[in-house]
Amino acid sequence: MRFVFSADDVPPPSGFDLGHLEVAGNLGSYSSRGHAPDQAMMIYVSLSLLLDGLRSLVEAGRGGYAFGGVDSSFSLKFSLTKDGTLTTQAPGTPVDRSDVRTVVAAAWAAAEGFAAAHLPGLPPDDAGRQDLEMSLAAFAPLVTRAG
């Protein structure tokens, strides 16, 4: 499983900037790019929402989570079974079926990489930055437990 988060670099940077999410797994791939209407999303806030939703789902141990990009029609559905299998689906497109630890590690690696590249350019008091920092901090223990 692979997640790729990207921000449209439009000065001055803001935690409400638009960007894209691409996912690829063992069943297919899906991207917010190349759609009409455009599916760009508020990427910092959407990334926070994705991490928080995945964390809640994994902590529950089973169930579902429907992710929708903020200010976008982009969506993904995650379904977790009690045996630890996490299925990821985009509208009409199966994306992945993997062990939950694989998806947690992939989401974490992509989120950490995005944060390292983009958060330093945002002011410390930027609300989008603060939300993402809190979501990363809350998600980190899950990565340690899943490892």
N, C-alpha and C. Protein backbone atom coordinates (compact mmCIF):
# COMPACT_ATOMS: atom_id res chain seq x y z
N MET A 1 0.86 -1.18 0.00
CA MET A 1 0.00 0.00 0.00
C MET A 1 0.90 1.23 0.00
N ARG A 2 0.49 2.23 -0.77
CA ARG A 2 1.26 3.47 -0.85
C ARG A 2 0.31 4.66 -0.90
N PHE A 3 0.61 5.66 -0.10
CA PHE A 3 -0.10 6.93 -0.13
C PHE A 3 0.89 8.00 -0.59
N VAL A 4 0.41 8.95 -1.39
CA VAL A 4 1.23 10.09 -1.79
C VAL A 4 0.39 11.34 -1.59
N PHE A 5 0.90 12.24 -0.75
CA PHE A 5 0.24 13.52 -0.49
C PHE A 5 1.08 14.61 -1.13
N SER A 6 0.45 15.54 -1.83
CA SER A 6 1.18 16.64 -2.43
C SER A 6 0.40 17.93 -2.25
N ALA A 7 1.14 19.02 -2.12
CA ALA A 7 0.52 20.34 -1.94
C ALA A 7 0.81 21.18 -3.16
N ASP A 8 -0.19 21.96 -3.57
CA ASP A 8 0.03 22.95 -4.62
C ASP A 8 0.79 24.10 -3.97
N ASP A 9 1.99 24.34 -4.41
CA ASP A 9 2.82 25.38 -3.80
C ASP A 9 2.45 26.75 -4.37
N VAL A 10 1.57 27.43 -3.63
CA VAL A 10 1.13 28.76 -4.02
C VAL A 10 1.50 29.71 -2.88
N PRO A 11 2.42 30.65 -3.13
CA PRO A 11 2.82 31.56 -2.06
C PRO A 11 1.69 32.54 -1.70
N PRO A 12 1.60 32.99 -0.49
CA PRO A 12 2.31 32.46 0.67
C PRO A 12 1.66 31.14 1.11
N PRO A 13 2.45 30.22 1.66
CA PRO A 13 1.89 28.93 2.06
C PRO A 13 0.89 29.07 3.20
N SER A 14 -0.11 28.19 3.18
CA SER A 14 -1.16 28.20 4.19
C SER A 14 -1.58 26.77 4.48
N GLY A 15 -1.99 26.50 5.69
CA GLY A 15 -2.49 25.19 6.07
C GLY A 15 -3.82 24.86 5.42
N PHE A 16 -4.35 25.79 4.64
CA PHE A 16 -5.59 25.55 3.91
C PHE A 16 -5.35 25.44 2.41
N ASP A 17 -4.07 25.29 2.02
CA ASP A 17 -3.73 25.13 0.61
C ASP A 17 -4.32 23.85 0.05
N LEU A 18 -4.56 23.87 -1.24
CA LEU A 18 -5.06 22.69 -1.93
C LEU A 18 -3.91 21.75 -2.28
N GLY A 19 -4.26 20.50 -2.47
CA GLY A 19 -3.28 19.50 -2.86
C GLY A 19 -3.99 18.23 -3.27
N HIS A 20 -3.23 17.18 -3.43
CA HIS A 20 -3.77 15.93 -3.95
C HIS A 20 -3.35 14.73 -3.10
N LEU A 21 -4.15 13.68 -3.23
CA LEU A 21 -3.90 12.40 -2.58
C LEU A 21 -3.97 11.32 -3.65
N GLU A 22 -2.96 10.48 -3.66
CA GLU A 22 -2.93 9.32 -4.53
C GLU A 22 -2.72 8.09 -3.66
N VAL A 23 -3.47 7.02 -3.95
CA VAL A 23 -3.30 5.76 -3.23
C VAL A 23 -3.09 4.65 -4.25
N ALA A 24 -2.23 3.73 -3.90
CA ALA A 24 -1.99 2.57 -4.76
C ALA A 24 -1.84 1.36 -3.87
N GLY A 25 -2.47 0.27 -4.27
CA GLY A 25 -2.41 -0.95 -3.48
C GLY A 25 -2.32 -2.17 -4.36
N ASN A 26 -2.54 -3.32 -3.76
CA ASN A 26 -2.41 -4.58 -4.48
C ASN A 26 -3.60 -4.89 -5.38
N LEU A 27 -4.63 -4.04 -5.37
CA LEU A 27 -5.80 -4.26 -6.22
C LEU A 27 -6.00 -3.15 -7.26
N GLY A 28 -5.34 -2.02 -7.08
CA GLY A 28 -5.51 -0.92 -8.02
C GLY A 28 -4.99 0.38 -7.44
N SER A 29 -5.35 1.48 -8.09
CA SER A 29 -4.91 2.79 -7.61
C SER A 29 -6.00 3.83 -7.88
N TYR A 30 -5.89 4.94 -7.18
CA TYR A 30 -6.86 6.01 -7.33
C TYR A 30 -6.18 7.32 -6.96
N SER A 31 -6.54 8.39 -7.66
CA SER A 31 -5.91 9.69 -7.44
C SER A 31 -6.96 10.79 -7.49
N SER A 32 -6.70 11.85 -6.78
CA SER A 32 -7.56 13.03 -6.85
C SER A 32 -7.23 13.86 -8.09
N ARG A 33 -6.16 13.53 -8.78
CA ARG A 33 -5.77 14.26 -9.99
C ARG A 33 -6.57 13.81 -11.21
N GLY A 34 -6.73 14.72 -12.15
CA GLY A 34 -7.27 14.37 -13.44
C GLY A 34 -8.76 14.16 -13.52
N HIS A 35 -9.52 14.74 -12.62
CA HIS A 35 -10.97 14.59 -12.64
C HIS A 35 -11.64 15.91 -13.02
N ALA A 36 -12.82 15.82 -13.57
CA ALA A 36 -13.63 17.00 -13.81
C ALA A 36 -14.97 16.75 -13.14
N PRO A 37 -15.34 17.54 -12.14
CA PRO A 37 -14.59 18.68 -11.64
C PRO A 37 -13.34 18.23 -10.86
N ASP A 38 -12.47 19.18 -10.69
CA ASP A 38 -11.21 18.95 -9.98
C ASP A 38 -11.48 18.40 -8.58
N GLN A 39 -10.67 17.43 -8.14
CA GLN A 39 -10.85 16.86 -6.80
C GLN A 39 -9.72 17.25 -5.84
N ALA A 40 -9.02 18.34 -6.15
CA ALA A 40 -8.03 18.85 -5.20
C ALA A 40 -8.73 19.12 -3.88
N MET A 41 -8.01 18.95 -2.80
CA MET A 41 -8.59 19.10 -1.46
C MET A 41 -7.69 19.98 -0.60
N MET A 42 -8.23 20.50 0.48
CA MET A 42 -7.40 21.19 1.46
C MET A 42 -6.51 20.12 2.07
N ILE A 43 -5.30 20.03 1.60
CA ILE A 43 -4.47 18.86 1.85
C ILE A 43 -4.03 18.72 3.30
N TYR A 44 -3.68 19.79 3.97
CA TYR A 44 -3.23 19.67 5.36
C TYR A 44 -4.38 19.19 6.26
N VAL A 45 -5.54 19.80 6.08
CA VAL A 45 -6.71 19.46 6.88
C VAL A 45 -7.20 18.05 6.52
N SER A 46 -7.16 17.72 5.22
CA SER A 46 -7.58 16.38 4.79
C SER A 46 -6.66 15.31 5.32
N LEU A 47 -5.37 15.57 5.33
CA LEU A 47 -4.41 14.60 5.87
C LEU A 47 -4.67 14.38 7.35
N SER A 48 -4.96 15.44 8.08
CA SER A 48 -5.31 15.31 9.50
C SER A 48 -6.55 14.43 9.66
N LEU A 49 -7.55 14.70 8.85
CA LEU A 49 -8.80 13.94 8.90
C LEU A 49 -8.56 12.46 8.60
N LEU A 50 -7.74 12.18 7.60
CA LEU A 50 -7.43 10.80 7.24
C LEU A 50 -6.71 10.07 8.38
N LEU A 51 -5.70 10.70 8.96
CA LEU A 51 -4.97 10.08 10.06
C LEU A 51 -5.89 9.83 11.26
N ASP A 52 -6.70 10.82 11.60
CA ASP A 52 -7.59 10.68 12.75
C ASP A 52 -8.62 9.58 12.52
N GLY A 53 -9.16 9.51 11.31
CA GLY A 53 -10.15 8.48 11.00
C GLY A 53 -9.55 7.08 11.00
N LEU A 54 -8.37 6.94 10.41
CA LEU A 54 -7.70 5.63 10.41
C LEU A 54 -7.36 5.21 11.84
N ARG A 55 -6.89 6.17 12.64
CA ARG A 55 -6.54 5.85 14.03
C ARG A 55 -7.76 5.36 14.78
N SER A 56 -8.87 6.04 14.65
CA SER A 56 -10.11 5.62 15.33
C SER A 56 -10.54 4.23 14.88
N LEU A 57 -10.46 3.97 13.59
CA LEU A 57 -10.85 2.66 13.05
C LEU A 57 -9.95 1.56 13.61
N VAL A 58 -8.66 1.77 13.57
CA VAL A 58 -7.72 0.75 14.05
C VAL A 58 -7.88 0.53 15.55
N GLU A 59 -8.07 1.59 16.30
CA GLU A 59 -8.28 1.44 17.74
C GLU A 59 -9.57 0.70 18.05
N ALA A 60 -10.59 0.85 17.21
CA ALA A 60 -11.85 0.12 17.40
C ALA A 60 -11.69 -1.37 17.10
N GLY A 61 -10.74 -1.71 16.24
CA GLY A 61 -10.45 -3.10 15.94
C GLY A 61 -11.29 -3.72 14.83
N ARG A 62 -12.31 -3.04 14.39
CA ARG A 62 -13.13 -3.46 13.25
C ARG A 62 -14.15 -2.38 12.95
N GLY A 63 -14.70 -2.46 11.74
CA GLY A 63 -15.70 -1.48 11.33
C GLY A 63 -15.28 -0.80 10.05
N GLY A 64 -15.80 0.40 9.82
CA GLY A 64 -15.52 1.12 8.60
C GLY A 64 -15.27 2.58 8.85
N TYR A 65 -14.62 3.20 7.89
CA TYR A 65 -14.35 4.63 7.93
C TYR A 65 -14.46 5.16 6.50
N ALA A 66 -15.29 6.18 6.32
CA ALA A 66 -15.44 6.83 5.02
C ALA A 66 -14.71 8.17 5.08
N PHE A 67 -13.64 8.28 4.29
CA PHE A 67 -12.85 9.50 4.22
C PHE A 67 -13.33 10.33 3.04
N GLY A 68 -13.49 11.62 3.29
CA GLY A 68 -13.78 12.56 2.21
C GLY A 68 -12.82 13.72 2.31
N GLY A 69 -12.15 14.03 1.21
CA GLY A 69 -11.24 15.17 1.20
C GLY A 69 -11.99 16.46 1.50
N VAL A 70 -11.38 17.34 2.28
CA VAL A 70 -12.02 18.59 2.67
C VAL A 70 -12.11 19.51 1.45
N ASP A 71 -13.31 19.99 1.17
CA ASP A 71 -13.61 20.86 0.04
C ASP A 71 -13.34 20.14 -1.29
N SER A 72 -13.68 18.83 -1.32
CA SER A 72 -13.41 18.00 -2.49
C SER A 72 -14.44 16.88 -2.56
N SER A 73 -14.60 16.33 -3.75
CA SER A 73 -15.47 15.15 -3.88
C SER A 73 -14.67 13.85 -3.82
N PHE A 74 -13.37 13.92 -3.59
CA PHE A 74 -12.53 12.74 -3.47
C PHE A 74 -12.91 11.97 -2.21
N SER A 75 -13.03 10.64 -2.36
CA SER A 75 -13.38 9.83 -1.20
C SER A 75 -12.74 8.45 -1.26
N LEU A 76 -12.58 7.86 -0.10
CA LEU A 76 -12.09 6.50 0.07
C LEU A 76 -12.90 5.85 1.19
N LYS A 77 -13.06 4.54 1.10
CA LYS A 77 -13.71 3.79 2.18
C LYS A 77 -12.73 2.75 2.68
N PHE A 78 -12.64 2.65 3.99
CA PHE A 78 -11.78 1.68 4.65
C PHE A 78 -12.66 0.75 5.47
N SER A 79 -12.43 -0.56 5.35
CA SER A 79 -13.18 -1.56 6.12
C SER A 79 -12.18 -2.48 6.81
N LEU A 80 -12.31 -2.60 8.13
CA LEU A 80 -11.41 -3.42 8.93
C LEU A 80 -12.18 -4.58 9.53
N THR A 81 -11.68 -5.79 9.30
CA THR A 81 -12.29 -6.97 9.90
C THR A 81 -11.53 -7.34 11.16
N LYS A 82 -12.18 -8.14 12.01
CA LYS A 82 -11.55 -8.46 13.30
C LYS A 82 -10.28 -9.29 13.15
N ASP A 83 -10.05 -9.90 11.96
CA ASP A 83 -8.80 -10.64 11.76
C ASP A 83 -7.65 -9.72 11.35
N GLY A 84 -7.90 -8.38 11.26
CA GLY A 84 -6.84 -7.42 10.97
C GLY A 84 -6.66 -7.11 9.49
N THR A 85 -7.61 -7.51 8.66
CA THR A 85 -7.53 -7.20 7.24
C THR A 85 -8.22 -5.86 6.99
N LEU A 86 -7.50 -4.96 6.34
CA LEU A 86 -8.03 -3.64 6.03
C LEU A 86 -8.20 -3.54 4.52
N THR A 87 -9.43 -3.28 4.09
CA THR A 87 -9.75 -3.12 2.68
C THR A 87 -9.95 -1.64 2.39
N THR A 88 -9.31 -1.18 1.31
CA THR A 88 -9.42 0.21 0.88
C THR A 88 -10.12 0.23 -0.47
N GLN A 89 -11.14 1.07 -0.59
CA GLN A 89 -11.90 1.16 -1.83
C GLN A 89 -12.15 2.62 -2.18
N ALA A 90 -11.96 2.93 -3.46
CA ALA A 90 -12.35 4.23 -4.00
C ALA A 90 -13.67 4.02 -4.73
N PRO A 91 -14.37 5.08 -5.10
CA PRO A 91 -15.64 4.90 -5.80
C PRO A 91 -15.48 4.02 -7.06
N GLY A 92 -16.05 2.84 -7.01
CA GLY A 92 -15.99 1.92 -8.14
C GLY A 92 -14.64 1.30 -8.41
N THR A 93 -13.67 1.48 -7.50
CA THR A 93 -12.32 0.99 -7.72
C THR A 93 -11.76 0.35 -6.46
N PRO A 94 -11.61 -0.98 -6.44
CA PRO A 94 -10.90 -1.58 -5.31
C PRO A 94 -9.43 -1.17 -5.36
N VAL A 95 -8.88 -0.82 -4.23
CA VAL A 95 -7.50 -0.33 -4.18
C VAL A 95 -6.58 -1.31 -3.47
N ASP A 96 -6.98 -1.81 -2.30
CA ASP A 96 -6.04 -2.63 -1.53
C ASP A 96 -6.79 -3.51 -0.53
N ARG A 97 -6.18 -4.64 -0.26
CA ARG A 97 -6.61 -5.52 0.83
C ARG A 97 -5.32 -6.03 1.46
N SER A 98 -5.04 -5.54 2.67
CA SER A 98 -3.77 -5.83 3.34
C SER A 98 -3.98 -5.95 4.83
N ASP A 99 -2.96 -6.44 5.49
CA ASP A 99 -2.92 -6.42 6.94
C ASP A 99 -2.94 -4.96 7.39
N VAL A 100 -3.67 -4.68 8.44
CA VAL A 100 -3.81 -3.31 8.93
C VAL A 100 -2.46 -2.66 9.22
N ARG A 101 -1.49 -3.43 9.67
CA ARG A 101 -0.16 -2.87 9.97
C ARG A 101 0.50 -2.30 8.71
N THR A 102 0.26 -2.94 7.58
CA THR A 102 0.82 -2.46 6.32
C THR A 102 0.26 -1.10 5.96
N VAL A 103 -1.04 -0.93 6.13
CA VAL A 103 -1.69 0.34 5.79
C VAL A 103 -1.29 1.43 6.77
N VAL A 104 -1.23 1.10 8.05
CA VAL A 104 -0.80 2.07 9.06
C VAL A 104 0.62 2.55 8.75
N ALA A 105 1.52 1.64 8.45
CA ALA A 105 2.89 2.02 8.14
C ALA A 105 2.97 2.88 6.88
N ALA A 106 2.17 2.55 5.86
CA ALA A 106 2.18 3.32 4.62
C ALA A 106 1.64 4.72 4.83
N ALA A 107 0.55 4.83 5.56
CA ALA A 107 -0.03 6.15 5.83
C ALA A 107 0.94 7.00 6.65
N TRP A 108 1.56 6.39 7.63
CA TRP A 108 2.52 7.10 8.48
C TRP A 108 3.73 7.59 7.68
N ALA A 109 4.31 6.73 6.87
CA ALA A 109 5.48 7.10 6.08
C ALA A 109 5.16 8.28 5.16
N ALA A 110 4.02 8.22 4.49
CA ALA A 110 3.64 9.30 3.57
C ALA A 110 3.34 10.59 4.33
N ALA A 111 2.64 10.48 5.45
CA ALA A 111 2.29 11.67 6.23
C ALA A 111 3.53 12.33 6.83
N GLU A 112 4.43 11.50 7.33
CA GLU A 112 5.67 12.04 7.89
C GLU A 112 6.51 12.73 6.82
N GLY A 113 6.60 12.11 5.66
CA GLY A 113 7.35 12.72 4.56
C GLY A 113 6.75 14.03 4.11
N PHE A 114 5.43 14.07 4.01
CA PHE A 114 4.74 15.29 3.63
C PHE A 114 4.99 16.38 4.67
N ALA A 115 4.84 16.03 5.94
CA ALA A 115 5.02 17.00 7.02
C ALA A 115 6.45 17.55 7.04
N ALA A 116 7.43 16.68 6.88
CA ALA A 116 8.83 17.12 6.89
C ALA A 116 9.10 18.11 5.75
N ALA A 117 8.47 17.87 4.61
CA ALA A 117 8.71 18.73 3.45
C ALA A 117 7.94 20.05 3.50
N HIS A 118 6.74 20.03 4.09
CA HIS A 118 5.85 21.19 3.96
C HIS A 118 5.58 21.97 5.24
N LEU A 119 5.59 21.33 6.39
CA LEU A 119 5.25 22.07 7.62
C LEU A 119 6.25 23.17 7.95
N PRO A 120 7.56 23.00 7.71
CA PRO A 120 8.49 24.09 8.05
C PRO A 120 8.18 25.41 7.33
N GLY A 121 7.49 25.35 6.20
CA GLY A 121 7.17 26.57 5.46
C GLY A 121 5.95 27.30 5.97
N LEU A 122 5.23 26.69 6.91
CA LEU A 122 4.03 27.32 7.46
C LEU A 122 4.34 28.02 8.77
N PRO A 123 3.67 29.13 9.05
CA PRO A 123 3.86 29.78 10.34
C PRO A 123 3.46 28.86 11.49
N PRO A 124 4.13 28.95 12.63
CA PRO A 124 3.81 28.08 13.77
C PRO A 124 2.35 28.18 14.24
N ASP A 125 1.72 29.33 14.05
CA ASP A 125 0.34 29.50 14.52
C ASP A 125 -0.70 29.21 13.44
N ASP A 126 -0.28 28.66 12.31
CA ASP A 126 -1.22 28.31 11.23
C ASP A 126 -2.12 27.17 11.70
N ALA A 127 -3.43 27.32 11.57
CA ALA A 127 -4.37 26.32 12.08
C ALA A 127 -4.23 24.97 11.38
N GLY A 128 -4.01 24.97 10.07
CA GLY A 128 -3.82 23.72 9.35
C GLY A 128 -2.57 22.99 9.82
N ARG A 129 -1.52 23.74 10.07
CA ARG A 129 -0.28 23.16 10.58
C ARG A 129 -0.52 22.54 11.96
N GLN A 130 -1.18 23.29 12.83
CA GLN A 130 -1.42 22.82 14.19
C GLN A 130 -2.28 21.55 14.19
N ASP A 131 -3.31 21.51 13.34
CA ASP A 131 -4.15 20.31 13.25
C ASP A 131 -3.33 19.10 12.81
N LEU A 132 -2.49 19.29 11.79
CA LEU A 132 -1.69 18.17 11.30
C LEU A 132 -0.68 17.72 12.35
N GLU A 133 -0.06 18.65 13.03
CA GLU A 133 0.89 18.28 14.08
C GLU A 133 0.21 17.46 15.18
N MET A 134 -1.00 17.85 15.57
CA MET A 134 -1.74 17.10 16.59
C MET A 134 -2.12 15.71 16.09
N SER A 135 -2.54 15.61 14.84
CA SER A 135 -2.92 14.32 14.26
C SER A 135 -1.72 13.39 14.15
N LEU A 136 -0.57 13.93 13.75
CA LEU A 136 0.65 13.13 13.68
C LEU A 136 1.03 12.61 15.07
N ALA A 137 0.95 13.47 16.07
CA ALA A 137 1.31 13.07 17.44
C ALA A 137 0.36 11.98 17.95
N ALA A 138 -0.91 12.08 17.63
CA ALA A 138 -1.88 11.08 18.07
C ALA A 138 -1.72 9.76 17.32
N PHE A 139 -1.28 9.80 16.07
CA PHE A 139 -1.13 8.61 15.23
C PHE A 139 0.17 7.86 15.55
N ALA A 140 1.20 8.56 16.00
CA ALA A 140 2.53 7.96 16.23
C ALA A 140 2.49 6.73 17.13
N PRO A 141 1.79 6.75 18.26
CA PRO A 141 1.76 5.54 19.11
C PRO A 141 1.15 4.33 18.41
N LEU A 142 0.22 4.58 17.51
CA LEU A 142 -0.40 3.49 16.74
C LEU A 142 0.64 2.81 15.87
N VAL A 143 1.54 3.57 15.30
CA VAL A 143 2.59 3.03 14.45
C VAL A 143 3.53 2.16 15.27
N THR A 144 3.85 2.61 16.47
CA THR A 144 4.72 1.84 17.36
C THR A 144 4.07 0.53 17.75
N ARG A 145 2.78 0.58 18.09
CA ARG A 145 2.05 -0.66 18.47
C ARG A 145 1.91 -1.59 17.29
N ALA A 146 1.68 -1.04 16.09
CA ALA A 146 1.45 -1.86 14.90
C ALA A 146 2.75 -2.47 14.38
N GLY A 147 3.89 -1.83 14.73
CA GLY A 147 5.17 -2.27 14.20
C GLY A 147 5.54 -3.62 14.65
